[in-house]
């Protein structure tokens, strides 16, 4: 079995790790205790899941040719994309809100 960089399973690794970061990071945003660490915690959990999957591949738990460094790279990229999205979203939302408020003030239009 070839381990191509653009194989379907690389996209799956990337998307699953990204989804774990986004889901866990978003859930931790509601916890005052973990809010400051939410992106780091979500990335560690995502990469731990990816590492566990690769370890099970190496043990041939699934029909696999073993662990793959390319899968690990896809896991890392997915975690980084998810982390970037979690970091950027509040900043984008705030900028959009400020822009909308300035527009309303300029036109004298206020939501009731």
PDB file of N, CA and C in Angstrom:
ATOM      1  N   UNK A   1       0.844  -1.170   0.000  1.00  0.00           N
ATOM      2  CA  UNK A   1       0.000   0.000   0.000  1.00  0.00           C
ATOM      3  C   UNK A   1       0.894   1.240   0.000  1.00  0.00           C
ATOM      4  N   UNK A   2       0.698   2.122  -0.964  1.00  0.00           N
ATOM      5  CA  UNK A   2       1.490   3.341  -1.069  1.00  0.00           C
ATOM      6  C   UNK A   2       1.042   4.352  -0.020  1.00  0.00           C
ATOM      7  N   UNK A   3       2.005   5.140   0.441  1.00  0.00           N
ATOM      8  CA  UNK A   3       1.705   6.159   1.442  1.00  0.00           C
ATOM      9  C   UNK A   3       1.905   7.530   0.809  1.00  0.00           C
ATOM     10  N   UNK A   4       1.007   7.883  -0.110  1.00  0.00           N
ATOM     11  CA  UNK A   4       1.116   9.149  -0.828  1.00  0.00           C
ATOM     12  C   UNK A   4       0.746  10.319   0.076  1.00  0.00           C
ATOM     13  N   UNK A   5       1.368  11.475  -0.172  1.00  0.00           N
ATOM     14  CA  UNK A   5       1.075  12.679   0.598  1.00  0.00           C
ATOM     15  C   UNK A   5      -0.369  13.128   0.432  1.00  0.00           C
ATOM     16  N   UNK A   6      -0.918  12.924  -0.762  1.00  0.00           N
ATOM     17  CA  UNK A   6      -2.272  13.410  -1.031  1.00  0.00           C
ATOM     18  C   UNK A   6      -3.301  12.283  -1.065  1.00  0.00           C
ATOM     19  N   UNK A   7      -3.042  11.239  -0.300  1.00  0.00           N
ATOM     20  CA  UNK A   7      -3.982  10.123  -0.207  1.00  0.00           C
ATOM     21  C   UNK A   7      -5.176  10.531   0.651  1.00  0.00           C
ATOM     22  N   UNK A   8      -6.258   9.828   0.464  1.00  0.00           N
ATOM     23  CA  UNK A   8      -7.496  10.132   1.191  1.00  0.00           C
ATOM     24  C   UNK A   8      -7.308  10.093   2.707  1.00  0.00           C
ATOM     25  N   UNK A   9      -6.505   9.155   3.194  1.00  0.00           N
ATOM     26  CA  UNK A   9      -6.348   9.037   4.640  1.00  0.00           C
ATOM     27  C   UNK A   9      -5.604  10.225   5.244  1.00  0.00           C
ATOM     28  N   UNK A  10      -4.783  10.915   4.460  1.00  0.00           N
ATOM     29  CA  UNK A  10      -4.116  12.123   4.983  1.00  0.00           C
ATOM     30  C   UNK A  10      -5.149  13.222   5.232  1.00  0.00           C
ATOM     31  N   UNK A  11      -6.102  13.353   4.323  1.00  0.00           N
ATOM     32  CA  UNK A  11      -7.185  14.327   4.509  1.00  0.00           C
ATOM     33  C   UNK A  11      -8.018  13.948   5.729  1.00  0.00           C
ATOM     34  N   UNK A  12      -8.252  12.652   5.921  1.00  0.00           N
ATOM     35  CA  UNK A  12      -9.012  12.208   7.086  1.00  0.00           C
ATOM     36  C   UNK A  12      -8.269  12.545   8.380  1.00  0.00           C
ATOM     37  N   UNK A  13      -6.962  12.296   8.397  1.00  0.00           N
ATOM     38  CA  UNK A  13      -6.161  12.630   9.581  1.00  0.00           C
ATOM     39  C   UNK A  13      -6.239  14.125   9.865  1.00  0.00           C
ATOM     40  N   UNK A  14      -6.044  14.944   8.838  1.00  0.00           N
ATOM     41  CA  UNK A  14      -6.083  16.392   8.989  1.00  0.00           C
ATOM     42  C   UNK A  14      -7.442  16.850   9.515  1.00  0.00           C
ATOM     43  N   UNK A  15      -8.508  16.377   8.892  1.00  0.00           N
ATOM     44  CA  UNK A  15      -9.857  16.823   9.273  1.00  0.00           C
ATOM     45  C   UNK A  15     -10.255  16.359  10.668  1.00  0.00           C
ATOM     46  N   UNK A  16      -9.915  15.136  11.019  1.00  0.00           N
ATOM     47  CA  UNK A  16     -10.285  14.629  12.352  1.00  0.00           C
ATOM     48  C   UNK A  16      -9.531  15.392  13.438  1.00  0.00           C
ATOM     49  N   UNK A  17      -8.232  15.612  13.240  1.00  0.00           N
ATOM     50  CA  UNK A  17      -7.463  16.354  14.248  1.00  0.00           C
ATOM     51  C   UNK A  17      -7.948  17.792  14.345  1.00  0.00           C
ATOM     52  N   UNK A  18      -8.263  18.397  13.209  1.00  0.00           N
ATOM     53  CA  UNK A  18      -8.802  19.755  13.224  1.00  0.00           C
ATOM     54  C   UNK A  18     -10.142  19.784  13.965  1.00  0.00           C
ATOM     55  N   UNK A  19     -10.996  18.812  13.697  1.00  0.00           N
ATOM     56  CA  UNK A  19     -12.317  18.752  14.344  1.00  0.00           C
ATOM     57  C   UNK A  19     -12.182  18.568  15.858  1.00  0.00           C
ATOM     58  N   UNK A  20     -11.241  17.751  16.287  1.00  0.00           N
ATOM     59  CA  UNK A  20     -11.030  17.550  17.727  1.00  0.00           C
ATOM     60  C   UNK A  20     -10.616  18.862  18.379  1.00  0.00           C
ATOM     61  N   UNK A  21      -9.685  19.573  17.748  1.00  0.00           N
ATOM     62  CA  UNK A  21      -9.239  20.860  18.302  1.00  0.00           C
ATOM     63  C   UNK A  21     -10.402  21.851  18.359  1.00  0.00           C
ATOM     64  N   UNK A  22     -11.162  21.944  17.274  1.00  0.00           N
ATOM     65  CA  UNK A  22     -12.274  22.898  17.241  1.00  0.00           C
ATOM     66  C   UNK A  22     -13.347  22.551  18.272  1.00  0.00           C
ATOM     67  N   UNK A  23     -13.710  21.281  18.368  1.00  0.00           N
ATOM     68  CA  UNK A  23     -14.767  20.867  19.298  1.00  0.00           C
ATOM     69  C   UNK A  23     -14.329  21.040  20.752  1.00  0.00           C
ATOM     70  N   UNK A  24     -13.163  20.517  21.079  1.00  0.00           N
ATOM     71  CA  UNK A  24     -12.704  20.586  22.468  1.00  0.00           C
ATOM     72  C   UNK A  24     -12.360  22.025  22.856  1.00  0.00           C
ATOM     73  N   UNK A  25     -11.710  22.743  21.956  1.00  0.00           N
ATOM     74  CA  UNK A  25     -11.372  24.133  22.243  1.00  0.00           C
ATOM     75  C   UNK A  25     -12.605  24.993  22.438  1.00  0.00           C
ATOM     76  N   UNK A  26     -13.633  24.757  21.645  1.00  0.00           N
ATOM     77  CA  UNK A  26     -14.886  25.506  21.790  1.00  0.00           C
ATOM     78  C   UNK A  26     -15.582  25.141  23.095  1.00  0.00           C
ATOM     79  N   UNK A  27     -15.584  23.869  23.439  1.00  0.00           N
ATOM     80  CA  UNK A  27     -16.220  23.435  24.689  1.00  0.00           C
ATOM     81  C   UNK A  27     -15.496  24.030  25.898  1.00  0.00           C
ATOM     82  N   UNK A  28     -14.173  24.079  25.850  1.00  0.00           N
ATOM     83  CA  UNK A  28     -13.404  24.605  26.979  1.00  0.00           C
ATOM     84  C   UNK A  28     -13.536  26.120  27.116  1.00  0.00           C
ATOM     85  N   UNK A  29     -14.021  26.788  26.086  1.00  0.00           N
ATOM     86  CA  UNK A  29     -14.224  28.239  26.163  1.00  0.00           C
ATOM     87  C   UNK A  29     -15.279  28.587  27.211  1.00  0.00           C
ATOM     88  N   UNK A  30     -16.144  27.641  27.530  1.00  0.00           N
ATOM     89  CA  UNK A  30     -17.194  27.873  28.518  1.00  0.00           C
ATOM     90  C   UNK A  30     -16.723  27.621  29.946  1.00  0.00           C
ATOM     91  N   UNK A  31     -15.507  27.136  30.094  1.00  0.00           N
ATOM     92  CA  UNK A  31     -14.959  26.858  31.417  1.00  0.00           C
ATOM     93  C   UNK A  31     -13.985  27.964  31.808  1.00  0.00           C
ATOM     94  N   UNK A  32     -14.291  28.692  32.864  1.00  0.00           N
ATOM     95  CA  UNK A  32     -13.389  29.763  33.285  1.00  0.00           C
ATOM     96  C   UNK A  32     -12.041  29.191  33.740  1.00  0.00           C
ATOM     97  N   UNK A  33     -12.064  27.968  34.206  1.00  0.00           N
ATOM     98  CA  UNK A  33     -10.846  27.337  34.706  1.00  0.00           C
ATOM     99  C   UNK A  33      -9.853  27.025  33.581  1.00  0.00           C
ATOM    100  N   UNK A  34     -10.357  26.644  32.405  1.00  0.00           N
ATOM    101  CA  UNK A  34      -9.477  26.209  31.318  1.00  0.00           C
ATOM    102  C   UNK A  34      -9.451  27.160  30.127  1.00  0.00           C
ATOM    103  N   UNK A  35     -10.167  28.269  30.189  1.00  0.00           N
ATOM    104  CA  UNK A  35     -10.310  29.150  29.030  1.00  0.00           C
ATOM    105  C   UNK A  35      -8.953  29.593  28.483  1.00  0.00           C
ATOM    106  N   UNK A  36      -8.032  29.989  29.347  1.00  0.00           N
ATOM    107  CA  UNK A  36      -6.730  30.486  28.904  1.00  0.00           C
ATOM    108  C   UNK A  36      -5.890  29.393  28.239  1.00  0.00           C
ATOM    109  N   UNK A  37      -6.140  28.160  28.606  1.00  0.00           N
ATOM    110  CA  UNK A  37      -5.340  27.036  28.104  1.00  0.00           C
ATOM    111  C   UNK A  37      -6.073  26.207  27.058  1.00  0.00           C
ATOM    112  N   UNK A  38      -7.247  26.620  26.654  1.00  0.00           N
ATOM    113  CA  UNK A  38      -8.115  25.778  25.833  1.00  0.00           C
ATOM    114  C   UNK A  38      -7.480  25.346  24.520  1.00  0.00           C
ATOM    115  N   UNK A  39      -6.765  26.220  23.844  1.00  0.00           N
ATOM    116  CA  UNK A  39      -6.180  25.849  22.554  1.00  0.00           C
ATOM    117  C   UNK A  39      -5.059  24.839  22.763  1.00  0.00           C
ATOM    118  N   UNK A  40      -4.247  25.056  23.777  1.00  0.00           N
ATOM    119  CA  UNK A  40      -3.150  24.114  24.057  1.00  0.00           C
ATOM    120  C   UNK A  40      -3.691  22.734  24.447  1.00  0.00           C
ATOM    121  N   UNK A  41      -4.679  22.727  25.325  1.00  0.00           N
ATOM    122  CA  UNK A  41      -5.269  21.455  25.761  1.00  0.00           C
ATOM    123  C   UNK A  41      -5.888  20.717  24.575  1.00  0.00           C
ATOM    124  N   UNK A  42      -6.606  21.445  23.728  1.00  0.00           N
ATOM    125  CA  UNK A  42      -7.250  20.826  22.568  1.00  0.00           C
ATOM    126  C   UNK A  42      -6.215  20.264  21.595  1.00  0.00           C
ATOM    127  N   UNK A  43      -5.118  20.976  21.395  1.00  0.00           N
ATOM    128  CA  UNK A  43      -4.065  20.486  20.494  1.00  0.00           C
ATOM    129  C   UNK A  43      -3.405  19.227  21.050  1.00  0.00           C
ATOM    130  N   UNK A  44      -3.118  19.229  22.346  1.00  0.00           N
ATOM    131  CA  UNK A  44      -2.506  18.047  22.965  1.00  0.00           C
ATOM    132  C   UNK A  44      -3.434  16.841  22.841  1.00  0.00           C
ATOM    133  N   UNK A  45      -4.719  17.043  23.106  1.00  0.00           N
ATOM    134  CA  UNK A  45      -5.683  15.939  23.000  1.00  0.00           C
ATOM    135  C   UNK A  45      -5.769  15.424  21.565  1.00  0.00           C
ATOM    136  N   UNK A  46      -5.787  16.336  20.617  1.00  0.00           N
ATOM    137  CA  UNK A  46      -5.871  15.958  19.210  1.00  0.00           C
ATOM    138  C   UNK A  46      -4.638  15.161  18.784  1.00  0.00           C
ATOM    139  N   UNK A  47      -3.469  15.653  19.152  1.00  0.00           N
ATOM    140  CA  UNK A  47      -2.229  14.958  18.777  1.00  0.00           C
ATOM    141  C   UNK A  47      -2.085  13.632  19.518  1.00  0.00           C
ATOM    142  N   UNK A  48      -2.601  13.558  20.735  1.00  0.00           N
ATOM    143  CA  UNK A  48      -2.579  12.288  21.470  1.00  0.00           C
ATOM    144  C   UNK A  48      -3.464  11.257  20.774  1.00  0.00           C
ATOM    145  N   UNK A  49      -4.618  11.707  20.284  1.00  0.00           N
ATOM    146  CA  UNK A  49      -5.505  10.799  19.546  1.00  0.00           C
ATOM    147  C   UNK A  49      -4.820  10.312  18.268  1.00  0.00           C
ATOM    148  N   UNK A  50      -4.155  11.225  17.569  1.00  0.00           N
ATOM    149  CA  UNK A  50      -3.434  10.844  16.353  1.00  0.00           C
ATOM    150  C   UNK A  50      -2.302   9.875  16.647  1.00  0.00           C
ATOM    151  N   UNK A  51      -1.561  10.122  17.727  1.00  0.00           N
ATOM    152  CA  UNK A  51      -0.455   9.233  18.107  1.00  0.00           C
ATOM    153  C   UNK A  51      -0.979   7.852  18.503  1.00  0.00           C
ATOM    154  N   UNK A  52      -2.107   7.822  19.221  1.00  0.00           N
ATOM    155  CA  UNK A  52      -2.700   6.539  19.607  1.00  0.00           C
ATOM    156  C   UNK A  52      -3.127   5.752  18.375  1.00  0.00           C
ATOM    157  N   UNK A  53      -3.695   6.450  17.401  1.00  0.00           N
ATOM    158  CA  UNK A  53      -4.124   5.779  16.160  1.00  0.00           C
ATOM    159  C   UNK A  53      -2.915   5.196  15.438  1.00  0.00           C
ATOM    160  N   UNK A  54      -1.813   5.966  15.388  1.00  0.00           N
ATOM    161  CA  UNK A  54      -0.599   5.467  14.728  1.00  0.00           C
ATOM    162  C   UNK A  54       0.000   4.281  15.489  1.00  0.00           C
ATOM    163  N   UNK A  55      -0.044   4.325  16.817  1.00  0.00           N
ATOM    164  CA  UNK A  55       0.463   3.200  17.613  1.00  0.00           C
ATOM    165  C   UNK A  55      -0.348   1.939  17.334  1.00  0.00           C
ATOM    166  N   UNK A  56      -1.662   2.098  17.232  1.00  0.00           N
ATOM    167  CA  UNK A  56      -2.511   0.940  16.923  1.00  0.00           C
ATOM    168  C   UNK A  56      -2.282   0.448  15.494  1.00  0.00           C
ATOM    169  N   UNK A  57      -1.984   1.376  14.588  1.00  0.00           N
ATOM    170  CA  UNK A  57      -1.615   0.965  13.221  1.00  0.00           C
ATOM    171  C   UNK A  57      -0.347   0.121  13.244  1.00  0.00           C
ATOM    172  N   UNK A  58       0.622   0.549  14.040  1.00  0.00           N
ATOM    173  CA  UNK A  58       1.898  -0.172  14.122  1.00  0.00           C
ATOM    174  C   UNK A  58       1.702  -1.562  14.727  1.00  0.00           C
ATOM    175  N   UNK A  59       0.721  -1.694  15.614  1.00  0.00           N
ATOM    176  CA  UNK A  59       0.417  -2.996  16.216  1.00  0.00           C
ATOM    177  C   UNK A  59      -0.498  -3.841  15.326  1.00  0.00           C
ATOM    178  N   UNK A  60      -0.849  -3.283  14.172  1.00  0.00           N
ATOM    179  CA  UNK A  60      -1.705  -3.958  13.178  1.00  0.00           C
ATOM    180  C   UNK A  60      -3.076  -4.320  13.741  1.00  0.00           C
ATOM    181  N   UNK A  61      -3.623  -3.431  14.567  1.00  0.00           N
ATOM    182  CA  UNK A  61      -4.971  -3.621  15.092  1.00  0.00           C
ATOM    183  C   UNK A  61      -5.976  -3.526  13.946  1.00  0.00           C
ATOM    184  N   UNK A  62      -5.696  -2.604  13.006  1.00  0.00           N
ATOM    185  CA  UNK A  62      -6.515  -2.481  11.805  1.00  0.00           C
ATOM    186  C   UNK A  62      -5.720  -3.007  10.635  1.00  0.00           C
ATOM    187  N   UNK A  63      -6.378  -3.192   9.523  1.00  0.00           N
ATOM    188  CA  UNK A  63      -5.697  -3.633   8.309  1.00  0.00           C
ATOM    189  C   UNK A  63      -4.859  -2.467   7.791  1.00  0.00           C
ATOM    190  N   UNK A  64      -3.644  -2.364   8.294  1.00  0.00           N
ATOM    191  CA  UNK A  64      -2.774  -1.236   7.986  1.00  0.00           C
ATOM    192  C   UNK A  64      -1.355  -1.729   7.768  1.00  0.00           C
ATOM    193  N   UNK A  65      -0.601  -0.930   7.041  1.00  0.00           N
ATOM    194  CA  UNK A  65       0.794  -1.302   6.796  1.00  0.00           C
ATOM    195  C   UNK A  65       1.707  -0.803   7.909  1.00  0.00           C
ATOM    196  N   UNK A  66       1.140  -0.216   8.935  1.00  0.00           N
ATOM    197  CA  UNK A  66       1.928   0.257  10.066  1.00  0.00           C
ATOM    198  C   UNK A  66       1.825   1.764  10.221  1.00  0.00           C
ATOM    199  N   UNK A  67       2.568   2.263  11.191  1.00  0.00           N
ATOM    200  CA  UNK A  67       2.558   3.700  11.475  1.00  0.00           C
ATOM    201  C   UNK A  67       3.162   4.462  10.302  1.00  0.00           C
ATOM    202  N   UNK A  68       2.723   5.698  10.135  1.00  0.00           N
ATOM    203  CA  UNK A  68       3.184   6.519   9.026  1.00  0.00           C
ATOM    204  C   UNK A  68       3.562   7.909   9.510  1.00  0.00           C
ATOM    205  N   UNK A  69       4.770   8.336   9.175  1.00  0.00           N
ATOM    206  CA  UNK A  69       5.202   9.687   9.519  1.00  0.00           C
ATOM    207  C   UNK A  69       4.350  10.717   8.777  1.00  0.00           C
ATOM    208  N   UNK A  70       3.908  10.374   7.582  1.00  0.00           N
ATOM    209  CA  UNK A  70       3.068  11.300   6.817  1.00  0.00           C
ATOM    210  C   UNK A  70       1.710  11.490   7.487  1.00  0.00           C
ATOM    211  N   UNK A  71       1.184  10.437   8.093  1.00  0.00           N
ATOM    212  CA  UNK A  71      -0.065  10.566   8.855  1.00  0.00           C
ATOM    213  C   UNK A  71       0.148  11.497  10.049  1.00  0.00           C
ATOM    214  N   UNK A  72       1.299  11.361  10.704  1.00  0.00           N
ATOM    215  CA  UNK A  72       1.609  12.220  11.849  1.00  0.00           C
ATOM    216  C   UNK A  72       1.720  13.684  11.421  1.00  0.00           C
ATOM    217  N   UNK A  73       2.313  13.924  10.255  1.00  0.00           N
ATOM    218  CA  UNK A  73       2.400  15.295   9.741  1.00  0.00           C
ATOM    219  C   UNK A  73       1.003  15.837   9.465  1.00  0.00           C
ATOM    220  N   UNK A  74       0.134  15.018   8.883  1.00  0.00           N
ATOM    221  CA  UNK A  74      -1.248  15.443   8.620  1.00  0.00           C
ATOM    222  C   UNK A  74      -1.973  15.744   9.936  1.00  0.00           C
ATOM    223  N   UNK A  75      -1.710  14.958  10.972  1.00  0.00           N
ATOM    224  CA  UNK A  75      -2.286  15.217  12.293  1.00  0.00           C
ATOM    225  C   UNK A  75      -1.836  16.575  12.827  1.00  0.00           C
ATOM    226  N   UNK A  76      -0.555  16.858  12.708  1.00  0.00           N
ATOM    227  CA  UNK A  76       0.002  18.122  13.194  1.00  0.00           C
ATOM    228  C   UNK A  76      -0.585  19.299  12.423  1.00  0.00           C
ATOM    229  N   UNK A  77      -0.663  19.170  11.105  1.00  0.00           N
ATOM    230  CA  UNK A  77      -1.230  20.244  10.283  1.00  0.00           C
ATOM    231  C   UNK A  77      -2.691  20.479  10.662  1.00  0.00           C
ATOM    232  N   UNK A  78      -3.447  19.398  10.850  1.00  0.00           N
ATOM    233  CA  UNK A  78      -4.848  19.537  11.252  1.00  0.00           C
ATOM    234  C   UNK A  78      -4.997  20.237  12.594  1.00  0.00           C
ATOM    235  N   UNK A  79      -4.149  19.880  13.557  1.00  0.00           N
ATOM    236  CA  UNK A  79      -4.193  20.524  14.873  1.00  0.00           C
ATOM    237  C   UNK A  79      -3.833  22.003  14.759  1.00  0.00           C
ATOM    238  N   UNK A  80      -2.859  22.325  13.925  1.00  0.00           N
ATOM    239  CA  UNK A  80      -2.458  23.727  13.744  1.00  0.00           C
ATOM    240  C   UNK A  80      -3.546  24.546  13.056  1.00  0.00           C
ATOM    241  N   UNK A  81      -4.198  23.959  12.060  1.00  0.00           N
ATOM    242  CA  UNK A  81      -5.298  24.667  11.381  1.00  0.00           C
ATOM    243  C   UNK A  81      -6.438  24.918  12.365  1.00  0.00           C
ATOM    244  N   UNK A  82      -6.777  23.917  13.159  1.00  0.00           N
ATOM    245  CA  UNK A  82      -7.820  24.089  14.168  1.00  0.00           C
ATOM    246  C   UNK A  82      -7.442  25.141  15.199  1.00  0.00           C
ATOM    247  N   UNK A  83      -6.183  25.126  15.642  1.00  0.00           N
ATOM    248  CA  UNK A  83      -5.716  26.113  16.621  1.00  0.00           C
ATOM    249  C   UNK A  83      -5.766  27.525  16.032  1.00  0.00           C
ATOM    250  N   UNK A  84      -5.360  27.657  14.784  1.00  0.00           N
ATOM    251  CA  UNK A  84      -5.398  28.970  14.131  1.00  0.00           C
ATOM    252  C   UNK A  84      -6.833  29.481  14.025  1.00  0.00           C
ATOM    253  N   UNK A  85      -7.751  28.592  13.702  1.00  0.00           N
ATOM    254  CA  UNK A  85      -9.159  28.988  13.596  1.00  0.00           C
ATOM    255  C   UNK A  85      -9.712  29.408  14.956  1.00  0.00           C
ATOM    256  N   UNK A  86      -9.378  28.664  16.018  1.00  0.00           N
ATOM    257  CA  UNK A  86      -9.832  29.029  17.365  1.00  0.00           C
ATOM    258  C   UNK A  86      -9.251  30.365  17.803  1.00  0.00           C
ATOM    259  N   UNK A  87      -7.998  30.606  17.455  1.00  0.00           N
ATOM    260  CA  UNK A  87      -7.358  31.854  17.823  1.00  0.00           C
ATOM    261  C   UNK A  87      -7.958  33.027  17.041  1.00  0.00           C
ATOM    262  N   UNK A  88      -8.206  32.831  15.751  1.00  0.00           N
ATOM    263  CA  UNK A  88      -8.646  33.922  14.878  1.00  0.00           C
ATOM    264  C   UNK A  88     -10.124  34.274  15.041  1.00  0.00           C
ATOM    265  N   UNK A  89     -10.964  33.293  15.308  1.00  0.00           N
ATOM    266  CA  UNK A  89     -12.407  33.532  15.308  1.00  0.00           C
ATOM    267  C   UNK A  89     -12.846  34.675  16.228  1.00  0.00           C
ATOM    268  N   UNK A  90     -12.425  34.733  17.498  1.00  0.00           N
ATOM    269  CA  UNK A  90     -12.875  35.840  18.345  1.00  0.00           C
ATOM    270  C   UNK A  90     -12.402  37.202  17.822  1.00  0.00           C
ATOM    271  N   UNK A  91     -11.224  37.240  17.237  1.00  0.00           N
ATOM    272  CA  UNK A  91     -10.691  38.490  16.702  1.00  0.00           C
ATOM    273  C   UNK A  91     -11.470  38.940  15.471  1.00  0.00           C
ATOM    274  N   UNK A  92     -11.829  37.999  14.629  1.00  0.00           N
ATOM    275  CA  UNK A  92     -12.629  38.321  13.439  1.00  0.00           C
ATOM    276  C   UNK A  92     -14.017  38.796  13.871  1.00  0.00           C
ATOM    277  N   UNK A  93     -14.617  38.087  14.814  1.00  0.00           N
ATOM    278  CA  UNK A  93     -15.955  38.437  15.302  1.00  0.00           C
ATOM    279  C   UNK A  93     -15.945  39.845  15.910  1.00  0.00           C
ATOM    280  N   UNK A  94     -14.924  40.140  16.702  1.00  0.00           N
ATOM    281  CA  UNK A  94     -14.829  41.456  17.329  1.00  0.00           C
ATOM    282  C   UNK A  94     -14.655  42.551  16.276  1.00  0.00           C
ATOM    283  N   UNK A  95     -13.825  42.309  15.278  1.00  0.00           N
ATOM    284  CA  UNK A  95     -13.619  43.296  14.215  1.00  0.00           C
ATOM    285  C   UNK A  95     -14.908  43.533  13.434  1.00  0.00           C
ATOM    286  N   UNK A  96     -15.640  42.477  13.149  1.00  0.00           N
ATOM    287  CA  UNK A  96     -16.910  42.626  12.437  1.00  0.00           C
ATOM    288  C   UNK A  96     -17.924  43.393  13.279  1.00  0.00           C
ATOM    289  N   UNK A  97     -17.959  43.116  14.563  1.00  0.00           N
ATOM    290  CA  UNK A  97     -18.891  43.805  15.460  1.00  0.00           C
ATOM    291  C   UNK A  97     -18.556  45.286  15.543  1.00  0.00           C
ATOM    292  N   UNK A  98     -17.265  45.607  15.645  1.00  0.00           N
ATOM    293  CA  UNK A  98     -16.846  47.006  15.685  1.00  0.00           C
ATOM    294  C   UNK A  98     -17.203  47.718  14.391  1.00  0.00           C
ATOM    295  N   UNK A  99     -16.998  47.048  13.281  1.00  0.00           N
ATOM    296  CA  UNK A  99     -17.307  47.630  11.973  1.00  0.00           C
ATOM    297  C   UNK A  99     -18.802  47.919  11.859  1.00  0.00           C
ATOM    298  N   UNK A 100     -19.624  46.993  12.315  1.00  0.00           N
ATOM    299  CA  UNK A 100     -21.071  47.149  12.246  1.00  0.00           C
ATOM    300  C   UNK A 100     -21.515  48.313  13.143  1.00  0.00           C
ATOM    301  N   UNK A 101     -20.923  48.419  14.331  1.00  0.00           N
ATOM    302  CA  UNK A 101     -21.263  49.496  15.253  1.00  0.00           C
ATOM    303  C   UNK A 101     -20.896  50.855  14.650  1.00  0.00           C
ATOM    304  N   UNK A 102     -19.732  50.947  14.027  1.00  0.00           N
ATOM    305  CA  UNK A 102     -19.321  52.202  13.394  1.00  0.00           C
ATOM    306  C   UNK A 102     -20.255  52.577  12.254  1.00  0.00           C
ATOM    307  N   UNK A 103     -20.676  51.561  11.487  1.00  0.00           N
ATOM    308  CA  UNK A 103     -21.631  51.794  10.392  1.00  0.00           C
ATOM    309  C   UNK A 103     -22.946  52.345  10.933  1.00  0.00           C
ATOM    310  N   UNK A 104     -23.434  51.758  11.998  1.00  0.00           N
ATOM    311  CA  UNK A 104     -24.697  52.187  12.597  1.00  0.00           C
ATOM    312  C   UNK A 104     -24.580  53.609  13.132  1.00  0.00           C
ATOM    313  N   UNK A 105     -23.444  53.920  13.728  1.00  0.00           N
ATOM    314  CA  UNK A 105     -23.259  55.265  14.260  1.00  0.00           C
ATOM    315  C   UNK A 105     -23.188  56.296  13.137  1.00  0.00           C
ATOM    316  N   UNK A 106     -22.553  55.919  12.054  1.00  0.00           N
ATOM    317  CA  UNK A 106     -22.412  56.846  10.919  1.00  0.00           C
ATOM    318  C   UNK A 106     -23.758  57.141  10.269  1.00  0.00           C
ATOM    319  N   UNK A 107     -24.617  56.126  10.194  1.00  0.00           N
ATOM    320  CA  UNK A 107     -25.922  56.299   9.542  1.00  0.00           C
ATOM    321  C   UNK A 107     -27.013  56.678  10.521  1.00  0.00           C
ATOM    322  N   UNK A 108     -26.711  56.607  11.812  1.00  0.00           N
ATOM    323  CA  UNK A 108     -27.734  56.909  12.812  1.00  0.00           C
ATOM    324  C   UNK A 108     -28.731  55.783  12.966  1.00  0.00           C
ATOM    325  N   UNK A 109     -28.404  54.638  12.419  1.00  0.00           N
ATOM    326  CA  UNK A 109     -29.290  53.450  12.441  1.00  0.00           C
ATOM    327  C   UNK A 109     -28.928  52.616  13.672  1.00  0.00           C
ATOM    328  N   UNK A 110     -29.860  52.382  14.545  1.00  0.00           N
ATOM    329  CA  UNK A 110     -29.599  51.565  15.730  1.00  0.00           C
ATOM    330  C   UNK A 110     -30.645  50.473  15.824  1.00  0.00           C
ATOM    331  N   UNK A 111     -30.161  49.257  16.110  1.00  0.00           N
ATOM    332  CA  UNK A 111     -31.092  48.141  16.257  1.00  0.00           C
ATOM    333  C   UNK A 111     -31.904  48.332  17.529  1.00  0.00           C
ATOM    334  N   UNK A 112     -33.163  48.002  17.455  1.00  0.00           N
ATOM    335  CA  UNK A 112     -34.042  48.153  18.608  1.00  0.00           C
ATOM    336  C   UNK A 112     -34.389  46.797  19.152  1.00  0.00           C
TER     337      UNK A 112
END
